[in-house]
Amino acid sequence: LKPEDTAVYYCAAALRAATPNLQLPSEYDYWGQGTLVTV
């Protein structure tokens, strides 16, 4: 881990698109609340 990795990390799940573009937030349908990582 590096100091520049410091952030709130969010998980997300896609349930609708058959082949979602993994990089696009809009492809994900549900999001977690976030967990803080401080380096």
PDB file of all heavy atoms in Angstrom:
ATOM      1  N   LEU A   1       0.823  -1.206   0.000  1.00  0.00           N
ATOM      2  CA  LEU A   1       0.000   0.000   0.000  1.00  0.00           C
ATOM      3  C   LEU A   1       0.861   1.261   0.000  1.00  0.00           C
ATOM      4  O   LEU A   1       1.941   1.303   0.593  1.00  0.00           O
ATOM      5  CB  LEU A   1      -0.935  -0.010   1.198  1.00  0.00           C
ATOM      6  CG  LEU A   1      -2.161  -0.923   1.034  1.00  0.00           C
ATOM      7  CD1 LEU A   1      -2.789  -1.227   2.385  1.00  0.00           C
ATOM      8  CD2 LEU A   1      -3.168  -0.284   0.086  1.00  0.00           C
ATOM      9  N   LYS A   2       0.335   2.269  -0.680  1.00  0.00           N
ATOM     10  CA  LYS A   2       1.022   3.552  -0.790  1.00  0.00           C
ATOM     11  C   LYS A   2       0.119   4.648  -0.217  1.00  0.00           C
ATOM     12  O   LYS A   2      -1.104   4.499  -0.198  1.00  0.00           O
ATOM     13  CB  LYS A   2       1.307   3.856  -2.267  1.00  0.00           C
ATOM     14  CG  LYS A   2       2.112   2.802  -2.985  1.00  0.00           C
ATOM     15  CD  LYS A   2       2.251   3.150  -4.458  1.00  0.00           C
ATOM     16  CE  LYS A   2       3.046   2.097  -5.219  1.00  0.00           C
ATOM     17  NZ  LYS A   2       3.181   2.434  -6.651  1.00  0.00           N
ATOM     18  N   PRO A   3       0.701   5.760   0.193  1.00  0.00           N
ATOM     19  CA  PRO A   3      -0.135   6.861   0.698  1.00  0.00           C
ATOM     20  C   PRO A   3      -1.191   7.298  -0.317  1.00  0.00           C
ATOM     21  O   PRO A   3      -2.303   7.683   0.074  1.00  0.00           O
ATOM     22  CB  PRO A   3       0.877   7.966   0.962  1.00  0.00           C
ATOM     23  CG  PRO A   3       2.143   7.240   1.294  1.00  0.00           C
ATOM     24  CD  PRO A   3       2.135   6.035   0.406  1.00  0.00           C
ATOM     25  N   GLU A   4      -0.881   7.199  -1.593  1.00  0.00           N
ATOM     26  CA  GLU A   4      -1.858   7.609  -2.612  1.00  0.00           C
ATOM     27  C   GLU A   4      -3.027   6.640  -2.756  1.00  0.00           C
ATOM     28  O   GLU A   4      -3.974   6.903  -3.505  1.00  0.00           O
ATOM     29  CB  GLU A   4      -1.181   7.811  -3.975  1.00  0.00           C
ATOM     30  CG  GLU A   4      -0.304   6.665  -4.427  1.00  0.00           C
ATOM     31  CD  GLU A   4       1.166   6.897  -4.093  1.00  0.00           C
ATOM     32  OE1 GLU A   4       1.475   7.359  -2.964  1.00  0.00           O
ATOM     33  OE2 GLU A   4       2.010   6.590  -4.964  1.00  0.00           O
ATOM     34  N   ASP A   5      -2.964   5.511  -2.048  1.00  0.00           N
ATOM     35  CA  ASP A   5      -4.105   4.596  -2.018  1.00  0.00           C
ATOM     36  C   ASP A   5      -5.143   5.024  -0.983  1.00  0.00           C
ATOM     37  O   ASP A   5      -6.214   4.422  -0.897  1.00  0.00           O
ATOM     38  CB  ASP A   5      -3.634   3.173  -1.692  1.00  0.00           C
ATOM     39  CG  ASP A   5      -2.758   2.578  -2.779  1.00  0.00           C
ATOM     40  OD1 ASP A   5      -3.076   2.775  -3.972  1.00  0.00           O
ATOM     41  OD2 ASP A   5      -1.765   1.916  -2.431  1.00  0.00           O
ATOM     42  N   THR A   6      -4.827   6.036  -0.212  1.00  0.00           N
ATOM     43  CA  THR A   6      -5.756   6.521   0.803  1.00  0.00           C
ATOM     44  C   THR A   6      -7.051   7.000   0.147  1.00  0.00           C
ATOM     45  O   THR A   6      -7.030   7.847  -0.745  1.00  0.00           O
ATOM     46  CB  THR A   6      -5.131   7.670   1.603  1.00  0.00           C
ATOM     47  OG1 THR A   6      -4.016   7.158   2.337  1.00  0.00           O
ATOM     48  CG2 THR A   6      -6.131   8.292   2.558  1.00  0.00           C
ATOM     49  N   ALA A   7      -8.158   6.430   0.580  1.00  0.00           N
ATOM     50  CA  ALA A   7      -9.460   6.754  -0.012  1.00  0.00           C
ATOM     51  C   ALA A   7     -10.552   5.988   0.709  1.00  0.00           C
ATOM     52  O   ALA A   7     -10.270   5.080   1.499  1.00  0.00           O
ATOM     53  CB  ALA A   7      -9.477   6.398  -1.495  1.00  0.00           C
ATOM     54  N   VAL A   8     -11.767   6.364   0.411  1.00  0.00           N
ATOM     55  CA  VAL A   8     -12.908   5.530   0.791  1.00  0.00           C
ATOM     56  C   VAL A   8     -13.127   4.554  -0.354  1.00  0.00           C
ATOM     57  O   VAL A   8     -13.238   4.966  -1.517  1.00  0.00           O
ATOM     58  CB  VAL A   8     -14.177   6.369   1.028  1.00  0.00           C
ATOM     59  CG1 VAL A   8     -15.357   5.459   1.335  1.00  0.00           C
ATOM     60  CG2 VAL A   8     -13.953   7.356   2.171  1.00  0.00           C
ATOM     61  N   TYR A   9     -13.166   3.286  -0.022  1.00  0.00           N
ATOM     62  CA  TYR A   9     -13.327   2.244  -1.021  1.00  0.00           C
ATOM     63  C   TYR A   9     -14.773   1.755  -1.030  1.00  0.00           C
ATOM     64  O   TYR A   9     -15.347   1.438   0.029  1.00  0.00           O
ATOM     65  CB  TYR A   9     -12.382   1.085  -0.727  1.00  0.00           C
ATOM     66  CG  TYR A   9     -10.965   1.387  -1.127  1.00  0.00           C
ATOM     67  CD1 TYR A   9     -10.202   2.294  -0.392  1.00  0.00           C
ATOM     68  CD2 TYR A   9     -10.379   0.802  -2.245  1.00  0.00           C
ATOM     69  CE1 TYR A   9      -8.901   2.618  -0.763  1.00  0.00           C
ATOM     70  CE2 TYR A   9      -9.080   1.102  -2.625  1.00  0.00           C
ATOM     71  CZ  TYR A   9      -8.351   2.004  -1.882  1.00  0.00           C
ATOM     72  OH  TYR A   9      -7.058   2.321  -2.255  1.00  0.00           O
ATOM     73  N   TYR A  10     -15.341   1.699  -2.223  1.00  0.00           N
ATOM     74  CA  TYR A  10     -16.722   1.273  -2.408  1.00  0.00           C
ATOM     75  C   TYR A  10     -16.776   0.002  -3.242  1.00  0.00           C
ATOM     76  O   TYR A  10     -16.106  -0.088  -4.277  1.00  0.00           O
ATOM     77  CB  TYR A  10     -17.525   2.355  -3.134  1.00  0.00           C
ATOM     78  CG  TYR A  10     -17.628   3.661  -2.399  1.00  0.00           C
ATOM     79  CD1 TYR A  10     -16.694   4.664  -2.590  1.00  0.00           C
ATOM     80  CD2 TYR A  10     -18.684   3.898  -1.520  1.00  0.00           C
ATOM     81  CE1 TYR A  10     -16.785   5.875  -1.925  1.00  0.00           C
ATOM     82  CE2 TYR A  10     -18.787   5.102  -0.846  1.00  0.00           C
ATOM     83  CZ  TYR A  10     -17.829   6.084  -1.057  1.00  0.00           C
ATOM     84  OH  TYR A  10     -17.929   7.282  -0.383  1.00  0.00           O
ATOM     85  N   CYS A  11     -17.579  -0.937  -2.811  1.00  0.00           N
ATOM     86  CA  CYS A  11     -17.839  -2.091  -3.659  1.00  0.00           C
ATOM     87  C   CYS A  11     -19.152  -1.858  -4.398  1.00  0.00           C
ATOM     88  O   CYS A  11     -20.017  -1.090  -3.953  1.00  0.00           O
ATOM     89  CB  CYS A  11     -17.908  -3.378  -2.847  1.00  0.00           C
ATOM     90  SG  CYS A  11     -19.138  -3.405  -1.529  1.00  0.00           S
ATOM     91  N   ALA A  12     -19.277  -2.501  -5.535  1.00  0.00           N
ATOM     92  CA  ALA A  12     -20.455  -2.332  -6.370  1.00  0.00           C
ATOM     93  C   ALA A  12     -20.766  -3.638  -7.070  1.00  0.00           C
ATOM     94  O   ALA A  12     -19.863  -4.434  -7.340  1.00  0.00           O
ATOM     95  CB  ALA A  12     -20.219  -1.218  -7.388  1.00  0.00           C
ATOM     96  N   ALA A  13     -22.039  -3.831  -7.382  1.00  0.00           N
ATOM     97  CA  ALA A  13     -22.483  -5.063  -8.034  1.00  0.00           C
ATOM     98  C   ALA A  13     -23.378  -4.732  -9.208  1.00  0.00           C
ATOM     99  O   ALA A  13     -24.220  -3.836  -9.127  1.00  0.00           O
ATOM    100  CB  ALA A  13     -23.226  -5.955  -7.049  1.00  0.00           C
ATOM    101  N   ALA A  14     -23.174  -5.459 -10.293  1.00  0.00           N
ATOM    102  CA  ALA A  14     -24.003  -5.326 -11.490  1.00  0.00           C
ATOM    103  C   ALA A  14     -24.868  -6.570 -11.601  1.00  0.00           C
ATOM    104  O   ALA A  14     -24.349  -7.698 -11.561  1.00  0.00           O
ATOM    105  CB  ALA A  14     -23.132  -5.173 -12.724  1.00  0.00           C
ATOM    106  N   LEU A  15     -26.192  -6.352 -11.751  1.00  0.00           N
ATOM    107  CA  LEU A  15     -27.109  -7.477 -11.813  1.00  0.00           C
ATOM    108  C   LEU A  15     -27.920  -7.513 -13.107  1.00  0.00           C
ATOM    109  O   LEU A  15     -28.636  -8.501 -13.348  1.00  0.00           O
ATOM    110  CB  LEU A  15     -28.091  -7.425 -10.634  1.00  0.00           C
ATOM    111  CG  LEU A  15     -27.624  -7.986  -9.295  1.00  0.00           C
ATOM    112  CD1 LEU A  15     -26.503  -7.143  -8.688  1.00  0.00           C
ATOM    113  CD2 LEU A  15     -28.786  -8.073  -8.322  1.00  0.00           C
ATOM    114  N   ARG A  16     -27.828  -6.461 -13.903  1.00  0.00           N
ATOM    115  CA  ARG A  16     -28.716  -6.389 -15.065  1.00  0.00           C
ATOM    116  C   ARG A  16     -27.995  -6.615 -16.385  1.00  0.00           C
ATOM    117  O   ARG A  16     -28.419  -7.443 -17.183  1.00  0.00           O
ATOM    118  CB  ARG A  16     -29.420  -5.033 -15.087  1.00  0.00           C
ATOM    119  CG  ARG A  16     -30.369  -4.800 -13.923  1.00  0.00           C
ATOM    120  CD  ARG A  16     -30.966  -3.413 -14.024  1.00  0.00           C
ATOM    121  NE  ARG A  16     -29.930  -2.391 -13.975  1.00  0.00           N
ATOM    122  CZ  ARG A  16     -30.129  -1.106 -14.275  1.00  0.00           C
ATOM    123  NH1 ARG A  16     -31.320  -0.704 -14.661  1.00  0.00           N
ATOM    124  NH2 ARG A  16     -29.141  -0.239 -14.192  1.00  0.00           N
ATOM    125  N   ALA A  17     -26.936  -5.872 -16.657  1.00  0.00           N
ATOM    126  CA  ALA A  17     -26.260  -5.953 -17.953  1.00  0.00           C
ATOM    127  C   ALA A  17     -25.631  -7.329 -18.137  1.00  0.00           C
ATOM    128  O   ALA A  17     -25.000  -7.859 -17.235  1.00  0.00           O
ATOM    129  CB  ALA A  17     -25.198  -4.868 -18.059  1.00  0.00           C
ATOM    130  N   ALA A  18     -25.788  -7.875 -19.328  1.00  0.00           N
ATOM    131  CA  ALA A  18     -25.246  -9.208 -19.597  1.00  0.00           C
ATOM    132  C   ALA A  18     -23.722  -9.204 -19.562  1.00  0.00           C
ATOM    133  O   ALA A  18     -23.099 -10.122 -19.026  1.00  0.00           O
ATOM    134  CB  ALA A  18     -25.745  -9.699 -20.949  1.00  0.00           C
ATOM    135  N   THR A  19     -23.125  -8.163 -20.140  1.00  0.00           N
ATOM    136  CA  THR A  19     -21.662  -8.043 -20.159  1.00  0.00           C
ATOM    137  C   THR A  19     -21.301  -6.601 -19.811  1.00  0.00           C
ATOM    138  O   THR A  19     -20.995  -5.802 -20.687  1.00  0.00           O
ATOM    139  CB  THR A  19     -21.093  -8.422 -21.531  1.00  0.00           C
ATOM    140  OG1 THR A  19     -21.637  -9.678 -21.938  1.00  0.00           O
ATOM    141  CG2 THR A  19     -19.569  -8.541 -21.466  1.00  0.00           C
ATOM    142  N   PRO A  20     -21.371  -6.255 -18.553  1.00  0.00           N
ATOM    143  CA  PRO A  20     -21.129  -4.856 -18.184  1.00  0.00           C
ATOM    144  C   PRO A  20     -19.682  -4.444 -18.411  1.00  0.00           C
ATOM    145  O   PRO A  20     -18.766  -5.265 -18.318  1.00  0.00           O
ATOM    146  CB  PRO A  20     -21.479  -4.831 -16.688  1.00  0.00           C
ATOM    147  CG  PRO A  20     -21.295  -6.239 -16.235  1.00  0.00           C
ATOM    148  CD  PRO A  20     -21.667  -7.099 -17.405  1.00  0.00           C
ATOM    149  N   ASN A  21     -19.511  -3.176 -18.732  1.00  0.00           N
ATOM    150  CA  ASN A  21     -18.175  -2.596 -18.812  1.00  0.00           C
ATOM    151  C   ASN A  21     -17.710  -2.397 -17.376  1.00  0.00           C
ATOM    152  O   ASN A  21     -18.240  -1.553 -16.653  1.00  0.00           O
ATOM    153  CB  ASN A  21     -18.221  -1.274 -19.565  1.00  0.00           C
ATOM    154  CG  ASN A  21     -16.847  -0.668 -19.756  1.00  0.00           C
ATOM    155  OD1 ASN A  21     -16.007  -0.744 -18.872  1.00  0.00           O
ATOM    156  ND2 ASN A  21     -16.629  -0.046 -20.900  1.00  0.00           N
ATOM    157  N   LEU A  22     -16.734  -3.160 -16.948  1.00  0.00           N
ATOM    158  CA  LEU A  22     -16.342  -3.195 -15.547  1.00  0.00           C
ATOM    159  C   LEU A  22     -15.833  -1.858 -15.031  1.00  0.00           C
ATOM    160  O   LEU A  22     -15.865  -1.616 -13.825  1.00  0.00           O
ATOM    161  CB  LEU A  22     -15.279  -4.270 -15.333  1.00  0.00           C
ATOM    162  CG  LEU A  22     -15.705  -5.707 -15.669  1.00  0.00           C
ATOM    163  CD1 LEU A  22     -14.521  -6.647 -15.501  1.00  0.00           C
ATOM    164  CD2 LEU A  22     -16.872  -6.151 -14.806  1.00  0.00           C
ATOM    165  N   GLN A  23     -15.360  -0.998 -15.922  1.00  0.00           N
ATOM    166  CA  GLN A  23     -14.750   0.255 -15.503  1.00  0.00           C
ATOM    167  C   GLN A  23     -15.753   1.375 -15.255  1.00  0.00           C
ATOM    168  O   GLN A  23     -15.399   2.389 -14.659  1.00  0.00           O
ATOM    169  CB  GLN A  23     -13.749   0.738 -16.540  1.00  0.00           C
ATOM    170  CG  GLN A  23     -12.625  -0.222 -16.840  1.00  0.00           C
ATOM    171  CD  GLN A  23     -11.742   0.308 -17.936  1.00  0.00           C
ATOM    172  OE1 GLN A  23     -10.968   1.247 -17.752  1.00  0.00           O
ATOM    173  NE2 GLN A  23     -11.848  -0.282 -19.114  1.00  0.00           N
ATOM    174  N   LEU A  24     -16.994   1.206 -15.740  1.00  0.00           N
ATOM    175  CA  LEU A  24     -17.943   2.305 -15.691  1.00  0.00           C
ATOM    176  C   LEU A  24     -18.863   2.205 -14.476  1.00  0.00           C
ATOM    177  O   LEU A  24     -19.593   1.227 -14.319  1.00  0.00           O
ATOM    178  CB  LEU A  24     -18.803   2.309 -16.955  1.00  0.00           C
ATOM    179  CG  LEU A  24     -18.078   2.594 -18.260  1.00  0.00           C
ATOM    180  CD1 LEU A  24     -19.056   2.550 -19.420  1.00  0.00           C
ATOM    181  CD2 LEU A  24     -17.346   3.919 -18.214  1.00  0.00           C
ATOM    182  N   PRO A  25     -18.885   3.219 -13.623  1.00  0.00           N
ATOM    183  CA  PRO A  25     -19.788   3.204 -12.469  1.00  0.00           C
ATOM    184  C   PRO A  25     -21.246   3.020 -12.876  1.00  0.00           C
ATOM    185  O   PRO A  25     -22.020   2.396 -12.139  1.00  0.00           O
ATOM    186  CB  PRO A  25     -19.562   4.574 -11.829  1.00  0.00           C
ATOM    187  CG  PRO A  25     -18.197   4.981 -12.265  1.00  0.00           C
ATOM    188  CD  PRO A  25     -18.039   4.431 -13.642  1.00  0.00           C
ATOM    189  N   SER A  26     -21.625   3.547 -14.034  1.00  0.00           N
ATOM    190  CA  SER A  26     -23.018   3.472 -14.466  1.00  0.00           C
ATOM    191  C   SER A  26     -23.474   2.052 -14.762  1.00  0.00           C
ATOM    192  O   SER A  26     -24.673   1.792 -14.853  1.00  0.00           O
ATOM    193  CB  SER A  26     -23.226   4.348 -15.701  1.00  0.00           C
ATOM    194  OG  SER A  26     -22.382   3.919 -16.757  1.00  0.00           O
ATOM    195  N   GLU A  27     -22.534   1.132 -14.915  1.00  0.00           N
ATOM    196  CA  GLU A  27     -22.892  -0.258 -15.212  1.00  0.00           C
ATOM    197  C   GLU A  27     -23.292  -1.027 -13.947  1.00  0.00           C
ATOM    198  O   GLU A  27     -23.809  -2.124 -14.047  1.00  0.00           O
ATOM    199  CB  GLU A  27     -21.700  -0.972 -15.849  1.00  0.00           C
ATOM    200  CG  GLU A  27     -21.310  -0.418 -17.228  1.00  0.00           C
ATOM    201  CD  GLU A  27     -22.241  -0.878 -18.321  1.00  0.00           C
ATOM    202  OE1 GLU A  27     -22.013  -1.948 -18.894  1.00  0.00           O
ATOM    203  OE2 GLU A  27     -23.214  -0.146 -18.601  1.00  0.00           O
ATOM    204  N   TYR A  28     -23.033  -0.447 -12.801  1.00  0.00           N
ATOM    205  CA  TYR A  28     -23.293  -1.122 -11.531  1.00  0.00           C
ATOM    206  C   TYR A  28     -24.622  -0.648 -10.940  1.00  0.00           C
ATOM    207  O   TYR A  28     -24.945   0.539 -10.974  1.00  0.00           O
ATOM    208  CB  TYR A  28     -22.152  -0.867 -10.557  1.00  0.00           C
ATOM    209  CG  TYR A  28     -20.847  -1.486 -11.019  1.00  0.00           C
ATOM    210  CD1 TYR A  28     -19.984  -0.784 -11.860  1.00  0.00           C
ATOM    211  CD2 TYR A  28     -20.492  -2.774 -10.629  1.00  0.00           C
ATOM    212  CE1 TYR A  28     -18.798  -1.359 -12.300  1.00  0.00           C
ATOM    213  CE2 TYR A  28     -19.307  -3.355 -11.063  1.00  0.00           C
ATOM    214  CZ  TYR A  28     -18.466  -2.635 -11.898  1.00  0.00           C
ATOM    215  OH  TYR A  28     -17.290  -3.204 -12.337  1.00  0.00           O
ATOM    216  N   ASP A  29     -25.357  -1.592 -10.385  1.00  0.00           N
ATOM    217  CA  ASP A  29     -26.709  -1.317  -9.913  1.00  0.00           C
ATOM    218  C   ASP A  29     -26.777  -1.067  -8.403  1.00  0.00           C
ATOM    219  O   ASP A  29     -27.700  -0.391  -7.935  1.00  0.00           O
ATOM    220  CB  ASP A  29     -27.616  -2.502 -10.262  1.00  0.00           C
ATOM    221  CG  ASP A  29     -27.581  -2.820 -11.736  1.00  0.00           C
ATOM    222  OD1 ASP A  29     -27.977  -1.966 -12.538  1.00  0.00           O
ATOM    223  OD2 ASP A  29     -27.122  -3.939 -12.094  1.00  0.00           O
ATOM    224  N   TYR A  30     -25.869  -1.636  -7.669  1.00  0.00           N
ATOM    225  CA  TYR A  30     -25.899  -1.493  -6.214  1.00  0.00           C
ATOM    226  C   TYR A  30     -24.505  -1.160  -5.702  1.00  0.00           C
ATOM    227  O   TYR A  30     -23.505  -1.649  -6.235  1.00  0.00           O
ATOM    228  CB  TYR A  30     -26.397  -2.788  -5.555  1.00  0.00           C
ATOM    229  CG  TYR A  30     -27.824  -3.124  -5.928  1.00  0.00           C
ATOM    230  CD1 TYR A  30     -28.102  -3.972  -6.996  1.00  0.00           C
ATOM    231  CD2 TYR A  30     -28.891  -2.569  -5.223  1.00  0.00           C
ATOM    232  CE1 TYR A  30     -29.403  -4.261  -7.353  1.00  0.00           C
ATOM    233  CE2 TYR A  30     -30.200  -2.860  -5.571  1.00  0.00           C
ATOM    234  CZ  TYR A  30     -30.449  -3.706  -6.639  1.00  0.00           C
ATOM    235  OH  TYR A  30     -31.743  -3.986  -6.986  1.00  0.00           O
ATOM    236  N   TRP A  31     -24.486  -0.367  -4.642  1.00  0.00           N
ATOM    237  CA  TRP A  31     -23.232   0.100  -4.068  1.00  0.00           C
ATOM    238  C   TRP A  31     -23.229  -0.128  -2.565  1.00  0.00           C
ATOM    239  O   TRP A  31     -24.265   0.031  -1.898  1.00  0.00           O
ATOM    240  CB  TRP A  31     -23.040   1.591  -4.351  1.00  0.00           C
ATOM    241  CG  TRP A  31     -22.823   1.877  -5.806  1.00  0.00           C
ATOM    242  CD1 TRP A  31     -23.771   1.969  -6.785  1.00  0.00           C
ATOM    243  CD2 TRP A  31     -21.565   2.105  -6.444  1.00  0.00           C
ATOM    244  NE1 TRP A  31     -23.171   2.232  -7.998  1.00  0.00           N
ATOM    245  CE2 TRP A  31     -21.819   2.325  -7.822  1.00  0.00           C
ATOM    246  CE3 TRP A  31     -20.252   2.148  -5.990  1.00  0.00           C
ATOM    247  CZ2 TRP A  31     -20.808   2.577  -8.736  1.00  0.00           C
ATOM    248  CZ3 TRP A  31     -19.235   2.408  -6.907  1.00  0.00           C
ATOM    249  CH2 TRP A  31     -19.520   2.620  -8.263  1.00  0.00           C
ATOM    250  N   GLY A  32     -22.060  -0.451  -2.059  1.00  0.00           N
ATOM    251  CA  GLY A  32     -21.882  -0.540  -0.620  1.00  0.00           C
ATOM    252  C   GLY A  32     -21.676   0.838  -0.025  1.00  0.00           C
ATOM    253  O   GLY A  32     -21.563   1.839  -0.745  1.00  0.00           O
ATOM    254  N   GLN A  33     -21.572   0.895   1.279  1.00  0.00           N
ATOM    255  CA  GLN A  33     -21.513   2.170   1.976  1.00  0.00           C
ATOM    256  C   GLN A  33     -20.102   2.759   2.011  1.00  0.00           C
ATOM    257  O   GLN A  33     -19.945   3.924   2.356  1.00  0.00           O
ATOM    258  CB  GLN A  33     -22.015   2.009   3.425  1.00  0.00           C
ATOM    259  CG  GLN A  33     -20.994   1.493   4.423  1.00  0.00           C
ATOM    260  CD  GLN A  33     -20.691   0.006   4.269  1.00  0.00           C
ATOM    261  OE1 GLN A  33     -21.194  -0.670   3.371  1.00  0.00           O
ATOM    262  NE2 GLN A  33     -19.859  -0.503   5.153  1.00  0.00           N
ATOM    263  N   GLY A  34     -19.111   2.016   1.645  1.00  0.00           N
ATOM    264  CA  GLY A  34     -17.746   2.527   1.652  1.00  0.00           C
ATOM    265  C   GLY A  34     -17.006   2.184   2.933  1.00  0.00           C
ATOM    266  O   GLY A  34     -17.594   2.142   4.019  1.00  0.00           O
ATOM    267  N   THR A  35     -15.727   1.934   2.788  1.00  0.00           N
ATOM    268  CA  THR A  35     -14.867   1.681   3.936  1.00  0.00           C
ATOM    269  C   THR A  35     -13.576   2.467   3.739  1.00  0.00           C
ATOM    270  O   THR A  35     -13.009   2.478   2.650  1.00  0.00           O
ATOM    271  CB  THR A  35     -14.604   0.170   4.112  1.00  0.00           C
ATOM    272  OG1 THR A  35     -13.839  -0.065   5.296  1.00  0.00           O
ATOM    273  CG2 THR A  35     -13.885  -0.436   2.912  1.00  0.00           C
ATOM    274  N   LEU A  36     -13.132   3.150   4.780  1.00  0.00           N
ATOM    275  CA  LEU A  36     -12.007   4.069   4.677  1.00  0.00           C
ATOM    276  C   LEU A  36     -10.681   3.343   4.837  1.00  0.00           C
ATOM    277  O   LEU A  36     -10.482   2.599   5.804  1.00  0.00           O
ATOM    278  CB  LEU A  36     -12.129   5.165   5.731  1.00  0.00           C
ATOM    279  CG  LEU A  36     -10.985   6.174   5.805  1.00  0.00           C
ATOM    280  CD1 LEU A  36     -10.855   6.958   4.499  1.00  0.00           C
ATOM    281  CD2 LEU A  36     -11.192   7.128   6.985  1.00  0.00           C
ATOM    282  N   VAL A  37      -9.792   3.592   3.896  1.00  0.00           N
ATOM    283  CA  VAL A  37      -8.418   3.089   3.960  1.00  0.00           C
ATOM    284  C   VAL A  37      -7.484   4.298   4.032  1.00  0.00           C
ATOM    285  O   VAL A  37      -7.531   5.168   3.165  1.00  0.00           O
ATOM    286  CB  VAL A  37      -8.079   2.225   2.733  1.00  0.00           C
ATOM    287  CG1 VAL A  37      -6.604   1.856   2.745  1.00  0.00           C
ATOM    288  CG2 VAL A  37      -8.952   0.979   2.709  1.00  0.00           C
ATOM    289  N   THR A  38      -6.677   4.333   5.074  1.00  0.00           N
ATOM    290  CA  THR A  38      -5.721   5.418   5.248  1.00  0.00           C
ATOM    291  C   THR A  38      -4.325   4.820   5.310  1.00  0.00           C
ATOM    292  O   THR A  38      -4.053   3.966   6.157  1.00  0.00           O
ATOM    293  CB  THR A  38      -6.010   6.213   6.527  1.00  0.00           C
ATOM    294  OG1 THR A  38      -7.340   6.719   6.489  1.00  0.00           O
ATOM    295  CG2 THR A  38      -5.041   7.381   6.662  1.00  0.00           C
ATOM    296  N   VAL A  39      -3.461   5.269   4.409  1.00  0.00           N
ATOM    297  CA  VAL A  39      -2.094   4.758   4.349  1.00  0.00           C
ATOM    298  C   VAL A  39      -1.141   5.898   4.667  1.00  0.00           C
ATOM    299  O   VAL A  39      -1.116   6.911   3.970  1.00  0.00           O
ATOM    300  CB  VAL A  39      -1.773   4.178   2.970  1.00  0.00           C
ATOM    301  CG1 VAL A  39      -0.370   3.563   2.976  1.00  0.00           C
ATOM    302  CG2 VAL A  39      -2.814   3.136   2.574  1.00  0.00           C
TER     303      VAL A  39
END
